[in-house]
Every structure is written in C-alpha cells, then in structure tokens.
N, C-alpha and C. Protein backbone atom coordinates (compact mmCIF):
# COMPACT_ATOMS: atom_id res chain seq x y z
N UNK A 1 -5.87 -4.71 14.09
CA UNK A 1 -6.28 -3.43 14.07
C UNK A 1 -7.82 -3.45 14.29
N UNK A 2 -8.47 -4.51 13.78
CA UNK A 2 -9.91 -4.55 13.54
C UNK A 2 -10.43 -4.84 15.03
N UNK A 3 -9.83 -5.43 16.03
CA UNK A 3 -10.06 -5.87 17.31
C UNK A 3 -9.93 -4.71 18.33
N UNK A 4 -9.16 -3.65 17.90
CA UNK A 4 -8.71 -2.64 18.58
C UNK A 4 -10.04 -1.82 19.08
N UNK A 5 -10.27 -1.72 20.57
CA UNK A 5 -11.66 -0.99 20.63
C UNK A 5 -11.63 0.47 20.36
N UNK A 6 -10.59 1.45 20.52
CA UNK A 6 -10.41 2.62 20.08
C UNK A 6 -10.80 2.87 18.58
N UNK A 7 -10.08 2.00 17.81
CA UNK A 7 -10.44 2.31 16.41
C UNK A 7 -11.82 1.54 16.15
N UNK A 8 -12.08 0.73 16.58
CA UNK A 8 -13.63 0.09 16.25
C UNK A 8 -14.47 1.38 16.70
N UNK A 9 -14.47 2.21 17.90
CA UNK A 9 -15.30 3.16 18.30
C UNK A 9 -15.12 4.39 17.42
N UNK A 10 -14.04 4.68 16.93
CA UNK A 10 -13.63 5.82 15.90
C UNK A 10 -14.60 5.57 14.66
N UNK A 11 -14.30 4.22 14.02
CA UNK A 11 -14.94 4.12 12.58
C UNK A 11 -16.22 3.37 12.61
N UNK A 12 -16.83 3.23 13.91
CA UNK A 12 -18.15 2.46 14.00
C UNK A 12 -18.16 1.32 13.22
N UNK A 13 -19.17 1.32 12.18
CA UNK A 13 -19.14 -0.08 11.41
C UNK A 13 -18.30 -0.34 10.30
N UNK A 14 -17.19 0.48 10.17
CA UNK A 14 -16.10 0.24 9.29
C UNK A 14 -15.02 -0.45 9.96
N UNK A 15 -14.55 -1.59 9.13
CA UNK A 15 -13.40 -2.10 9.67
C UNK A 15 -12.38 -1.53 9.42
N UNK A 16 -11.35 -0.86 10.49
CA UNK A 16 -10.11 -0.31 10.61
C UNK A 16 -9.13 -0.78 9.22
N UNK A 17 -9.01 -1.93 9.19
CA UNK A 17 -8.35 -2.73 8.30
C UNK A 17 -8.55 -2.09 6.64
N UNK A 18 -9.70 -1.78 6.63
CA UNK A 18 -10.13 -1.23 5.16
C UNK A 18 -10.13 0.41 5.06
N UNK A 19 -9.72 0.81 6.17
CA UNK A 19 -9.36 2.33 6.08
C UNK A 19 -7.62 2.38 5.85
N UNK A 20 -6.87 1.73 6.80
CA UNK A 20 -5.48 1.75 6.72
C UNK A 20 -4.95 0.49 5.87
N UNK A 21 -5.10 0.60 4.63
CA UNK A 21 -4.57 -0.23 4.05
C UNK A 21 -3.18 -0.48 3.57
N UNK A 22 -2.70 0.76 3.35
CA UNK A 22 -1.24 0.88 3.18
C UNK A 22 -0.40 1.95 4.06
N UNK A 23 0.65 1.50 4.59
CA UNK A 23 1.34 2.27 5.34
C UNK A 23 1.75 3.64 4.65
N UNK A 24 1.57 4.89 5.49
CA UNK A 24 2.17 6.09 4.85
C UNK A 24 3.42 6.46 4.97
N UNK A 25 4.43 5.41 6.02
CA UNK A 25 5.92 5.53 6.54
C UNK A 25 6.21 3.98 6.49
N UNK A 26 7.12 3.45 6.11
CA UNK A 26 7.74 2.12 6.29
C UNK A 26 9.37 2.40 6.45
N UNK A 27 9.84 2.04 7.41
CA UNK A 27 11.28 2.37 7.96
C UNK A 27 11.92 0.83 8.37
N UNK A 28 12.98 0.74 7.74
CA UNK A 28 13.92 -0.44 8.21
C UNK A 28 14.98 -0.22 8.95
N UNK A 29 15.55 -0.94 9.78
CA UNK A 29 16.62 -0.63 10.63
C UNK A 29 16.58 -1.79 11.41
N UNK A 30 17.70 -2.00 12.31
CA UNK A 30 18.15 -2.84 13.20
C UNK A 30 17.53 -2.21 14.93
N UNK A 31 16.39 -2.13 14.89
CA UNK A 31 15.84 -1.41 16.04
C UNK A 31 15.83 -2.35 17.37
N UNK A 32 15.95 -3.54 17.23
CA UNK A 32 16.28 -4.30 18.56
C UNK A 32 18.00 -4.68 18.72
N UNK A 33 18.71 -4.75 17.84
CA UNK A 33 20.18 -4.78 18.27
C UNK A 33 20.30 -6.16 17.93
N UNK A 34 19.68 -7.14 17.42
CA UNK A 34 19.91 -8.48 16.99
C UNK A 34 20.84 -8.71 15.72
N UNK A 35 20.95 -7.60 15.22
CA UNK A 35 21.79 -7.86 13.91
C UNK A 35 20.81 -8.22 12.59
N UNK A 36 19.53 -8.28 12.82
CA UNK A 36 18.47 -8.67 11.73
C UNK A 36 17.65 -7.27 11.36
N UNK A 37 17.24 -7.09 10.04
CA UNK A 37 16.46 -5.98 9.99
C UNK A 37 15.05 -6.11 10.45
N UNK A 38 14.53 -5.04 11.20
CA UNK A 38 13.26 -4.90 11.61
C UNK A 38 12.62 -3.77 10.48
N UNK A 39 11.24 -3.83 11.02
CA UNK A 39 10.32 -2.66 10.21
C UNK A 39 9.36 -1.87 10.81
N UNK A 40 9.18 -0.60 10.87
CA UNK A 40 8.39 -0.05 11.64
C UNK A 40 7.33 0.72 10.24
N UNK A 41 6.13 0.41 10.54
CA UNK A 41 4.91 0.97 9.64
C UNK A 41 4.11 1.99 10.67
N UNK A 42 3.68 2.84 9.96
CA UNK A 42 2.66 4.00 10.01
C UNK A 42 1.85 4.33 9.08
N UNK A 43 0.43 4.05 9.63
CA UNK A 43 -0.63 4.24 8.81
C UNK A 43 -1.34 5.57 9.14
N UNK A 44 -1.69 6.12 8.17
CA UNK A 44 -2.75 7.43 8.30
C UNK A 44 -3.82 7.62 7.39
N UNK A 45 -4.76 8.16 7.92
CA UNK A 45 -5.87 8.42 7.21
C UNK A 45 -6.38 9.66 7.41
N UNK A 46 -7.35 9.92 6.83
CA UNK A 46 -8.81 11.10 7.05
C UNK A 46 -8.31 12.43 7.35
N UNK A 47 -8.09 12.72 8.69
CA UNK A 47 -7.96 13.95 9.11
C UNK A 47 -6.63 13.94 10.01
N UNK A 48 -6.35 15.08 10.62
CA UNK A 48 -4.98 15.35 11.16
C UNK A 48 -5.41 14.60 12.77
N UNK A 49 -6.63 14.77 12.86
CA UNK A 49 -7.09 14.17 14.56
C UNK A 49 -7.37 12.82 14.62
N UNK A 50 -7.37 11.93 13.27
CA UNK A 50 -7.79 10.44 13.38
C UNK A 50 -6.66 9.82 13.91
N UNK A 51 -6.70 8.69 14.62
CA UNK A 51 -5.70 7.67 15.12
C UNK A 51 -4.72 7.42 13.84
N UNK A 52 -3.53 7.17 14.00
CA UNK A 52 -2.58 6.90 13.08
C UNK A 52 -1.63 5.91 13.80
N UNK A 53 -2.33 4.38 13.67
CA UNK A 53 -1.69 3.28 14.26
C UNK A 53 -0.13 3.07 13.64
N UNK A 54 0.49 2.48 14.45
CA UNK A 54 1.91 2.50 14.02
C UNK A 54 2.30 1.03 14.76
N UNK A 55 3.31 0.33 13.94
CA UNK A 55 3.91 -1.09 14.73
C UNK A 55 5.33 -1.13 14.40
N UNK A 56 5.73 -1.88 15.29
CA UNK A 56 7.27 -2.31 14.90
C UNK A 56 7.42 -3.99 14.75
N UNK A 57 7.74 -4.30 13.55
CA UNK A 57 7.94 -5.80 13.25
C UNK A 57 9.29 -6.24 13.39
N UNK A 58 9.51 -7.23 14.29
CA UNK A 58 11.09 -7.80 14.35
C UNK A 58 10.90 -8.75 13.26
N UNK A 59 12.30 -8.72 12.56
CA UNK A 59 12.40 -10.01 11.75
C UNK A 59 12.98 -11.12 12.41
N UNK A 60 12.38 -12.14 12.42
CA UNK A 60 12.83 -13.34 12.99
C UNK A 60 12.95 -14.45 11.97
N UNK A 61 13.64 -15.44 12.40
CA UNK A 61 13.78 -16.40 11.28
C UNK A 61 12.51 -17.17 10.69
N UNK A 62 11.65 -17.10 11.42
CA UNK A 62 10.28 -17.69 10.88
C UNK A 62 9.45 -16.83 10.27
N UNK A 63 9.65 -15.37 10.33
CA UNK A 63 9.31 -14.40 9.65
C UNK A 63 9.03 -13.15 10.36
N UNK A 64 8.03 -12.23 10.40
CA UNK A 64 7.84 -10.99 10.88
C UNK A 64 6.78 -11.39 12.36
N UNK A 65 7.06 -10.61 13.46
CA UNK A 65 6.26 -10.67 14.32
C UNK A 65 6.14 -9.39 14.93
N UNK A 66 4.74 -8.74 15.44
CA UNK A 66 4.84 -7.53 16.05
C UNK A 66 5.45 -7.55 17.34
N UNK A 67 6.39 -6.51 17.57
CA UNK A 67 6.80 -6.57 18.68
C UNK A 67 6.63 -5.25 19.40
N UNK A 68 5.72 -4.38 18.97
CA UNK A 68 5.58 -3.09 19.56
C UNK A 68 4.42 -2.73 18.74
N UNK A 69 3.41 -2.01 19.25
CA UNK A 69 2.18 -1.35 18.70
C UNK A 69 1.65 -0.33 19.24
N UNK A 70 1.22 0.72 18.72
CA UNK A 70 0.63 1.93 19.28
C UNK A 70 -0.61 2.13 18.09
N UNK A 71 -1.88 1.65 18.45
CA UNK A 71 -2.79 1.81 17.42
C UNK A 71 -3.84 2.69 17.77
N UNK A 72 -4.00 3.52 18.88
CA UNK A 72 -4.94 4.46 18.69
C UNK A 72 -3.93 5.86 19.01
N UNK A 73 -2.99 5.94 18.83
CA UNK A 73 -2.19 7.44 19.08
C UNK A 73 -2.46 8.21 17.86
N UNK A 74 -2.48 9.63 17.78
CA UNK A 74 -2.65 10.42 16.74
C UNK A 74 -1.11 10.64 16.38
N UNK A 75 -0.43 10.13 15.50
CA UNK A 75 0.81 10.41 15.30
C UNK A 75 1.03 11.08 13.93
N UNK A 76 1.57 12.17 14.05
CA UNK A 76 1.98 12.91 13.09
C UNK A 76 2.99 12.60 11.97
N UNK A 77 4.20 11.87 12.74
CA UNK A 77 5.25 11.60 12.11
C UNK A 77 6.23 10.31 12.95
N UNK A 78 6.75 9.49 11.95
CA UNK A 78 7.61 8.37 12.71
C UNK A 78 8.81 8.58 11.73
N UNK A 79 9.84 8.58 12.47
CA UNK A 79 11.24 8.68 11.96
C UNK A 79 12.33 7.66 12.87
N UNK A 80 13.51 7.67 11.91
CA UNK A 80 14.32 6.64 12.40
C UNK A 80 15.75 7.31 12.30
N UNK A 81 16.50 6.55 13.18
CA UNK A 81 18.22 6.88 12.84
C UNK A 81 18.77 5.53 12.84
N UNK A 82 17.87 4.57 12.47
CA UNK A 82 18.45 3.22 12.19
C UNK A 82 18.47 2.23 13.39
N UNK A 83 18.38 2.96 14.68
CA UNK A 83 18.32 1.93 15.96
C UNK A 83 17.23 2.43 16.93
N UNK A 84 16.84 3.69 16.65
CA UNK A 84 15.85 4.25 17.53
C UNK A 84 14.59 4.61 16.56
N UNK A 85 13.41 4.62 17.06
CA UNK A 85 12.21 5.22 16.44
C UNK A 85 11.66 6.54 17.06
N UNK A 86 11.63 7.59 16.36
CA UNK A 86 11.20 8.74 16.95
C UNK A 86 9.70 9.25 16.38
N UNK A 87 8.51 9.35 17.38
CA UNK A 87 7.15 9.77 16.74
C UNK A 87 7.06 10.96 17.12
N UNK A 88 6.11 11.59 16.55
CA UNK A 88 5.62 13.34 16.78
C UNK A 88 4.24 13.09 17.02
N UNK A 89 3.80 13.43 17.83
CA UNK A 89 2.13 13.54 18.24
C UNK A 89 1.75 14.86 18.65
N UNK A 90 0.63 15.27 18.39
CA UNK A 90 0.28 16.59 18.89
C UNK A 90 -0.18 16.77 20.26
N UNK A 91 -0.26 17.87 20.86
CA UNK A 91 -1.07 18.07 22.14
C UNK A 91 -1.44 19.57 22.27
N UNK A 92 -2.74 19.02 22.29
CA UNK A 92 -3.48 20.55 21.89
C UNK A 92 -3.81 21.13 23.23
N UNK A 93 -4.06 22.52 22.97
CA UNK A 93 -4.73 23.26 24.14
C UNK A 93 -6.08 23.46 23.93
N UNK A 94 -7.25 24.06 24.46
CA UNK A 94 -8.45 24.31 24.25
C UNK A 94 -8.53 24.90 23.13
N UNK A 95 -7.72 26.09 22.87
CA UNK A 95 -8.04 26.94 21.96
C UNK A 95 -7.37 26.75 20.54
N UNK A 96 -6.61 25.60 20.58
CA UNK A 96 -6.03 25.09 19.29
C UNK A 96 -6.85 24.83 17.86
N UNK A 97 -6.48 25.09 16.99
CA UNK A 97 -7.03 24.47 15.84
C UNK A 97 -6.43 23.16 15.67
N UNK A 98 -7.00 22.03 14.55
CA UNK A 98 -6.42 20.92 14.76
C UNK A 98 -5.23 20.73 13.62
N UNK A 99 -4.95 21.89 12.85
CA UNK A 99 -3.60 22.03 12.24
C UNK A 99 -2.62 22.50 13.12
N UNK A 100 -2.70 22.97 14.07
CA UNK A 100 -1.71 23.69 14.79
C UNK A 100 -1.98 23.47 16.47
N UNK A 101 -1.37 22.59 16.95
CA UNK A 101 -1.17 22.08 18.25
C UNK A 101 0.02 23.12 18.92
N UNK A 102 -0.40 23.25 20.23
CA UNK A 102 0.29 24.20 21.14
C UNK A 102 1.32 23.75 21.39
N UNK A 103 1.68 22.28 21.61
CA UNK A 103 2.63 21.53 21.66
C UNK A 103 2.82 20.09 21.22
N UNK A 104 3.92 19.65 21.04
CA UNK A 104 4.13 18.49 20.38
C UNK A 104 4.74 17.38 21.36
N UNK A 105 4.24 16.24 21.41
CA UNK A 105 4.85 15.17 22.32
C UNK A 105 6.18 14.20 21.35
N UNK A 106 7.18 14.41 21.66
CA UNK A 106 8.10 13.66 20.84
C UNK A 106 8.48 12.23 21.72
N UNK A 107 8.19 11.52 21.01
CA UNK A 107 8.40 9.82 21.73
C UNK A 107 9.68 9.16 20.89
N UNK A 108 10.61 8.71 21.85
CA UNK A 108 11.68 7.83 21.48
C UNK A 108 11.42 6.43 22.07
N UNK A 109 11.55 5.52 21.08
CA UNK A 109 11.36 4.09 21.06
C UNK A 109 12.89 3.25 21.20
N UNK A 110 13.22 2.79 22.03
CA UNK A 110 14.42 2.11 22.13
C UNK A 110 14.15 0.88 22.72
N UNK A 111 15.05 -0.32 22.35
CA UNK A 111 15.36 -1.62 22.68
C UNK A 111 16.20 -1.65 23.87
N UNK A 112 15.72 -2.29 25.04
CA UNK A 112 16.65 -2.16 26.23
C UNK A 112 17.37 -3.47 26.41
N UNK A 113 17.13 -4.52 25.46
CA UNK A 113 17.82 -5.74 25.69
C UNK A 113 16.92 -6.65 25.98
N UNK A 114 15.68 -6.24 26.38
CA UNK A 114 14.71 -7.46 26.67
C UNK A 114 13.35 -7.05 25.84
N UNK A 115 12.95 -5.62 25.81
CA UNK A 115 11.87 -5.00 25.27
C UNK A 115 12.01 -3.73 24.94
N UNK A 116 10.93 -3.15 24.25
CA UNK A 116 11.02 -1.78 23.75
C UNK A 116 10.56 -0.84 24.89
N UNK A 117 11.11 0.17 25.09
CA UNK A 117 10.75 1.10 26.05
C UNK A 117 10.76 2.42 25.39
N UNK A 118 9.63 3.28 25.50
CA UNK A 118 9.46 4.45 24.96
C UNK A 118 9.77 5.81 26.06
N UNK A 119 10.19 6.63 25.79
CA UNK A 119 10.35 7.85 26.63
C UNK A 119 9.97 9.26 25.72
N UNK A 120 9.60 10.14 26.57
CA UNK A 120 8.91 11.48 25.96
C UNK A 120 9.43 12.77 26.37
N UNK A 121 9.42 13.83 25.46
CA UNK A 121 9.89 15.22 25.71
C UNK A 121 8.82 15.80 24.93
N UNK A 122 8.49 17.05 25.75
CA UNK A 122 7.51 17.92 25.02
C UNK A 122 8.37 19.08 24.34
N UNK A 123 7.47 19.63 23.13
CA UNK A 123 8.16 20.75 22.67
C UNK A 123 7.04 21.85 22.35
N UNK A 124 7.33 23.13 22.67
CA UNK A 124 6.22 23.86 22.10
C UNK A 124 6.44 24.51 20.67
N UNK A 125 5.21 24.53 19.98
CA UNK A 125 5.31 24.92 18.69
C UNK A 125 5.26 26.35 18.68
N UNK A 126 4.76 27.29 19.64
CA UNK A 126 4.58 28.65 19.56
C UNK A 126 5.58 29.19 20.78
N UNK A 127 5.49 30.54 21.04
CA UNK A 127 6.32 31.07 22.00
C UNK A 127 5.61 30.80 23.07
N UNK A 128 6.25 30.41 24.08
CA UNK A 128 5.45 30.05 25.45
C UNK A 128 6.22 31.31 26.31
C-alpha cells in the first residue's frame, strides 16, 4: 500500500499503512477453485470518498500471496458467495452529495482458471 502512487498522493506525508491498519471486512472462501481457503480483505477509513483498498490472498502451501488487488478504488462494500467476490462502488453525478451517488458500479470478481477477471454492471440508486 505504501508504494501505491494514488494512495501516497491522497495521504501526502502519511504512510497509507498507518491509516489502513485493520481490515473492515475479512471474507474467506475458495475464490480460485483450488480447494484451499482464500481470503479477501477490504480496508476503509476516513470518509466515503476516500480510497478503500482491497486484496485477495490465495492460500498456498507456503503461505499467503496477493493474487488480486485494487488499492485506489472507492469501495463501499465487499461481499462473497463463497466463490465470487462482489464489490459496490459509487458513481457520482456532478450534483450528487458524497453520501448519495446517483449510480453504483457492481463488480463481480471470478477466477477463470488462470487468473481473476472482473466484470461490472451499473445500478441506479434513484428513479431515472
């Protein structure tokens, strides 16, 4: 996290790892289909518009390895059904307050046999 240029720009002289000390969400499941437990972690802080880094750790024989990461997204929520991860991110219009985005971007992360692949759909939060 400390090397990510976007996080460094947001927090200036403060190391991101001192802000994101504990995950707000920790999910376990077999996200890559190899029969071993994997772990997904979401870190949140500060405000609804702050970046909310999240990572997927693959459980390997030698320990944990980062298999996927999104460090600069503004992620409201990370959920799982045991095999897939679902993220919810705000998409604001110019007139939106930070609490109330007009749209949400719903991301689904799946293992395709070789790597994680993410797809998206958009939902409107208000009548459009």
